[in-house]
Amino acid sequence: MDSFEQNVPNYLVQSILVTIFCCMPTGIAAIIFSSQVNTKLAVGDFDGARESSRKAKLWCWISFGAGVGYMLILGIVIAIYGFAFFSALSGQAQ
């Protein structure tokens, strides 16, 4: 077993962080694939470990994108409602 085969990233920390801060459903998928990496390496399934690592990384990015997208939409909605609220207040003052 050479060092390349042993050095497959599991992305577990990233998976946990995106689950907490970005998007829980897709973050859970990332955690599941992350947890498979070390197990597959331990039994010698290097191709399976690399595939699980790739999927964990993919689900981390999907979770991150979903979290950023949600925050952008939320910010736009808050800005629209804030503008409407202050416009209504200024209209009542006249």
N, C-alpha and C. Protein backbone atom coordinates (compact mmCIF):
# COMPACT_ATOMS: atom_id res chain seq x y z
N MET A 1 0.85 -1.17 0.00
CA MET A 1 0.00 0.00 0.00
C MET A 1 0.90 1.24 0.00
N ASP A 2 0.85 2.03 -1.07
CA ASP A 2 1.71 3.21 -1.12
C ASP A 2 1.02 4.40 -0.46
N SER A 3 1.79 5.49 -0.29
CA SER A 3 1.29 6.65 0.44
C SER A 3 0.13 7.34 -0.29
N PHE A 4 0.09 7.24 -1.61
CA PHE A 4 -1.02 7.86 -2.36
C PHE A 4 -2.35 7.20 -1.99
N GLU A 5 -2.33 5.89 -1.87
CA GLU A 5 -3.56 5.17 -1.55
C GLU A 5 -4.00 5.44 -0.12
N GLN A 6 -3.06 5.69 0.77
CA GLN A 6 -3.40 5.98 2.16
C GLN A 6 -3.87 7.42 2.35
N ASN A 7 -3.54 8.30 1.45
CA ASN A 7 -3.82 9.72 1.60
C ASN A 7 -5.08 10.13 0.84
N VAL A 8 -6.20 9.51 1.17
CA VAL A 8 -7.48 9.86 0.57
C VAL A 8 -8.22 10.73 1.59
N PRO A 9 -8.52 11.99 1.26
CA PRO A 9 -9.20 12.86 2.24
C PRO A 9 -10.63 12.39 2.49
N ASN A 10 -11.06 12.48 3.76
CA ASN A 10 -12.42 12.03 4.06
C ASN A 10 -13.42 13.19 4.15
N TYR A 11 -12.98 14.43 4.26
CA TYR A 11 -13.85 15.61 4.29
C TYR A 11 -14.86 15.58 5.43
N LEU A 12 -14.55 14.90 6.52
CA LEU A 12 -15.51 14.79 7.62
C LEU A 12 -15.73 16.13 8.32
N VAL A 13 -14.67 16.87 8.58
CA VAL A 13 -14.82 18.17 9.24
C VAL A 13 -15.66 19.11 8.38
N GLN A 14 -15.35 19.18 7.09
CA GLN A 14 -16.11 20.04 6.19
C GLN A 14 -17.58 19.61 6.14
N SER A 15 -17.81 18.30 6.14
CA SER A 15 -19.18 17.78 6.09
C SER A 15 -19.97 18.20 7.31
N ILE A 16 -19.35 18.11 8.47
CA ILE A 16 -20.03 18.51 9.70
C ILE A 16 -20.31 20.01 9.69
N LEU A 17 -19.35 20.80 9.24
CA LEU A 17 -19.54 22.25 9.21
C LEU A 17 -20.65 22.68 8.26
N VAL A 18 -20.69 22.10 7.06
CA VAL A 18 -21.76 22.50 6.13
C VAL A 18 -23.11 21.98 6.60
N THR A 19 -23.13 20.88 7.34
CA THR A 19 -24.39 20.39 7.90
C THR A 19 -24.92 21.37 8.95
N ILE A 20 -24.04 21.88 9.79
CA ILE A 20 -24.45 22.80 10.85
C ILE A 20 -24.80 24.18 10.29
N PHE A 21 -23.96 24.71 9.40
CA PHE A 21 -24.09 26.11 9.00
C PHE A 21 -24.77 26.34 7.66
N CYS A 22 -24.89 25.34 6.83
CA CYS A 22 -25.40 25.59 5.48
C CYS A 22 -26.72 24.87 5.20
N CYS A 23 -26.66 23.57 5.01
CA CYS A 23 -27.86 22.84 4.59
C CYS A 23 -27.84 21.44 5.19
N MET A 24 -28.75 21.19 6.11
CA MET A 24 -28.73 19.92 6.83
C MET A 24 -28.97 18.69 5.95
N PRO A 25 -29.99 18.65 5.11
CA PRO A 25 -30.22 17.40 4.36
C PRO A 25 -29.06 16.97 3.47
N THR A 26 -28.49 17.91 2.74
CA THR A 26 -27.37 17.55 1.87
C THR A 26 -26.08 17.37 2.67
N GLY A 27 -25.98 18.06 3.80
CA GLY A 27 -24.83 17.88 4.68
C GLY A 27 -24.79 16.50 5.28
N ILE A 28 -25.96 15.94 5.59
CA ILE A 28 -26.01 14.57 6.12
C ILE A 28 -25.49 13.58 5.08
N ALA A 29 -25.84 13.79 3.82
CA ALA A 29 -25.30 12.93 2.75
C ALA A 29 -23.78 13.03 2.71
N ALA A 30 -23.25 14.25 2.88
CA ALA A 30 -21.80 14.43 2.89
C ALA A 30 -21.17 13.69 4.06
N ILE A 31 -21.80 13.73 5.23
CA ILE A 31 -21.28 13.02 6.41
C ILE A 31 -21.28 11.52 6.17
N ILE A 32 -22.33 11.01 5.56
CA ILE A 32 -22.40 9.57 5.30
C ILE A 32 -21.26 9.12 4.40
N PHE A 33 -21.02 9.85 3.30
CA PHE A 33 -19.93 9.47 2.40
C PHE A 33 -18.57 9.68 3.07
N SER A 34 -18.44 10.73 3.88
CA SER A 34 -17.18 10.98 4.58
C SER A 34 -16.84 9.84 5.53
N SER A 35 -17.86 9.34 6.20
CA SER A 35 -17.60 8.27 7.17
C SER A 35 -17.23 6.95 6.50
N GLN A 36 -17.54 6.79 5.24
CA GLN A 36 -17.21 5.57 4.52
C GLN A 36 -15.74 5.49 4.09
N VAL A 37 -15.08 6.63 3.99
CA VAL A 37 -13.73 6.67 3.42
C VAL A 37 -12.75 5.85 4.25
N ASN A 38 -12.65 6.14 5.56
CA ASN A 38 -11.67 5.43 6.39
C ASN A 38 -11.98 3.95 6.51
N THR A 39 -13.27 3.61 6.55
CA THR A 39 -13.66 2.20 6.62
C THR A 39 -13.21 1.45 5.37
N LYS A 40 -13.42 2.06 4.22
CA LYS A 40 -13.01 1.41 2.97
C LYS A 40 -11.50 1.31 2.85
N LEU A 41 -10.79 2.33 3.33
CA LEU A 41 -9.32 2.25 3.33
C LEU A 41 -8.83 1.13 4.24
N ALA A 42 -9.49 0.96 5.37
CA ALA A 42 -9.06 -0.06 6.33
C ALA A 42 -9.19 -1.47 5.77
N VAL A 43 -10.18 -1.70 4.92
CA VAL A 43 -10.35 -3.05 4.35
C VAL A 43 -9.65 -3.20 3.00
N GLY A 44 -8.98 -2.12 2.55
CA GLY A 44 -8.22 -2.21 1.31
C GLY A 44 -8.98 -1.85 0.05
N ASP A 45 -10.16 -1.29 0.19
CA ASP A 45 -10.96 -0.89 -0.97
C ASP A 45 -10.59 0.55 -1.35
N PHE A 46 -9.46 0.70 -2.03
CA PHE A 46 -8.94 2.03 -2.34
C PHE A 46 -9.79 2.75 -3.37
N ASP A 47 -10.29 2.03 -4.36
CA ASP A 47 -11.16 2.66 -5.36
C ASP A 47 -12.46 3.13 -4.71
N GLY A 48 -13.02 2.31 -3.85
CA GLY A 48 -14.24 2.69 -3.14
C GLY A 48 -14.01 3.88 -2.22
N ALA A 49 -12.84 3.93 -1.58
CA ALA A 49 -12.51 5.05 -0.70
C ALA A 49 -12.39 6.35 -1.50
N ARG A 50 -11.74 6.26 -2.66
CA ARG A 50 -11.61 7.46 -3.50
C ARG A 50 -12.98 7.92 -4.00
N GLU A 51 -13.85 6.97 -4.34
CA GLU A 51 -15.19 7.31 -4.82
C GLU A 51 -16.02 7.95 -3.69
N SER A 52 -15.94 7.39 -2.50
CA SER A 52 -16.66 7.98 -1.36
C SER A 52 -16.11 9.37 -1.03
N SER A 53 -14.81 9.54 -1.15
CA SER A 53 -14.19 10.84 -0.92
C SER A 53 -14.68 11.87 -1.95
N ARG A 54 -14.75 11.44 -3.20
CA ARG A 54 -15.23 12.32 -4.26
C ARG A 54 -16.68 12.73 -4.01
N LYS A 55 -17.51 11.76 -3.61
CA LYS A 55 -18.92 12.06 -3.34
C LYS A 55 -19.08 12.95 -2.11
N ALA A 56 -18.26 12.73 -1.09
CA ALA A 56 -18.32 13.58 0.10
C ALA A 56 -17.97 15.02 -0.26
N LYS A 57 -16.93 15.19 -1.08
CA LYS A 57 -16.54 16.53 -1.50
C LYS A 57 -17.66 17.18 -2.32
N LEU A 58 -18.27 16.42 -3.22
CA LEU A 58 -19.37 16.93 -4.04
C LEU A 58 -20.53 17.39 -3.16
N TRP A 59 -20.93 16.57 -2.19
CA TRP A 59 -22.05 16.93 -1.32
C TRP A 59 -21.70 18.09 -0.40
N CYS A 60 -20.43 18.25 -0.04
CA CYS A 60 -20.02 19.43 0.73
C CYS A 60 -20.23 20.69 -0.10
N TRP A 61 -19.84 20.66 -1.36
CA TRP A 61 -20.02 21.83 -2.23
C TRP A 61 -21.49 22.10 -2.50
N ILE A 62 -22.28 21.04 -2.68
CA ILE A 62 -23.72 21.23 -2.88
C ILE A 62 -24.33 21.88 -1.64
N SER A 63 -23.96 21.42 -0.46
CA SER A 63 -24.47 21.98 0.79
C SER A 63 -24.07 23.44 0.94
N PHE A 64 -22.81 23.73 0.62
CA PHE A 64 -22.33 25.10 0.71
C PHE A 64 -23.10 26.00 -0.25
N GLY A 65 -23.27 25.54 -1.48
CA GLY A 65 -24.03 26.32 -2.47
C GLY A 65 -25.47 26.54 -2.06
N ALA A 66 -26.09 25.51 -1.49
CA ALA A 66 -27.48 25.64 -1.03
C ALA A 66 -27.57 26.65 0.11
N GLY A 67 -26.61 26.61 1.01
CA GLY A 67 -26.60 27.56 2.13
C GLY A 67 -26.40 28.99 1.66
N VAL A 68 -25.48 29.20 0.75
CA VAL A 68 -25.24 30.55 0.20
C VAL A 68 -26.47 31.02 -0.57
N GLY A 69 -27.05 30.15 -1.37
CA GLY A 69 -28.26 30.50 -2.13
C GLY A 69 -29.40 30.88 -1.20
N TYR A 70 -29.58 30.11 -0.14
CA TYR A 70 -30.63 30.41 0.83
C TYR A 70 -30.40 31.78 1.47
N MET A 71 -29.15 32.06 1.86
CA MET A 71 -28.85 33.35 2.49
C MET A 71 -29.08 34.51 1.52
N LEU A 72 -28.74 34.32 0.26
CA LEU A 72 -28.99 35.38 -0.73
C LEU A 72 -30.48 35.64 -0.90
N ILE A 73 -31.25 34.59 -1.03
CA ILE A 73 -32.70 34.75 -1.18
C ILE A 73 -33.29 35.39 0.08
N LEU A 74 -32.86 34.95 1.24
CA LEU A 74 -33.35 35.52 2.50
C LEU A 74 -32.99 37.00 2.59
N GLY A 75 -31.78 37.36 2.20
CA GLY A 75 -31.37 38.76 2.22
C GLY A 75 -32.21 39.62 1.28
N ILE A 76 -32.51 39.10 0.11
CA ILE A 76 -33.33 39.84 -0.86
C ILE A 76 -34.74 40.03 -0.31
N VAL A 77 -35.31 38.98 0.26
CA VAL A 77 -36.67 39.07 0.83
C VAL A 77 -36.70 40.07 1.98
N ILE A 78 -35.73 40.02 2.86
CA ILE A 78 -35.67 40.97 3.97
C ILE A 78 -35.53 42.39 3.46
N ALA A 79 -34.70 42.59 2.45
CA ALA A 79 -34.53 43.93 1.89
C ALA A 79 -35.83 44.44 1.27
N ILE A 80 -36.55 43.59 0.57
CA ILE A 80 -37.82 44.00 -0.06
C ILE A 80 -38.85 44.35 1.00
N TYR A 81 -38.99 43.50 2.00
CA TYR A 81 -39.95 43.78 3.07
C TYR A 81 -39.54 45.00 3.88
N GLY A 82 -38.26 45.16 4.12
CA GLY A 82 -37.79 46.35 4.84
C GLY A 82 -38.08 47.61 4.07
N PHE A 83 -37.84 47.59 2.78
CA PHE A 83 -38.13 48.75 1.94
C PHE A 83 -39.63 49.05 1.94
N ALA A 84 -40.46 48.02 1.82
CA ALA A 84 -41.91 48.21 1.83
C ALA A 84 -42.37 48.74 3.18
N PHE A 85 -41.82 48.25 4.27
CA PHE A 85 -42.20 48.70 5.60
C PHE A 85 -41.86 50.16 5.80
N PHE A 86 -40.63 50.56 5.43
CA PHE A 86 -40.24 51.95 5.64
C PHE A 86 -40.95 52.88 4.66
N SER A 87 -41.30 52.37 3.49
CA SER A 87 -42.08 53.19 2.56
C SER A 87 -43.47 53.42 3.12
N ALA A 88 -44.08 52.39 3.72
CA ALA A 88 -45.40 52.53 4.31
C ALA A 88 -45.36 53.48 5.50
N LEU A 89 -44.30 53.43 6.31
CA LEU A 89 -44.17 54.34 7.45
C LEU A 89 -44.04 55.79 6.99
N SER A 90 -43.24 56.00 5.96
CA SER A 90 -43.05 57.37 5.49
C SER A 90 -44.32 57.89 4.82
N GLY A 91 -45.13 57.01 4.24
CA GLY A 91 -46.39 57.41 3.63
C GLY A 91 -47.42 57.78 4.68
N GLN A 92 -47.40 57.17 5.85
CA GLN A 92 -48.33 57.47 6.92
C GLN A 92 -48.00 58.78 7.62
N ALA A 93 -46.74 59.17 7.61
CA ALA A 93 -46.32 60.38 8.30
C ALA A 93 -46.77 61.63 7.59
N GLN A 94 -47.12 61.54 6.32
CA GLN A 94 -47.49 62.74 5.57
C GLN A 94 -48.93 63.07 5.68
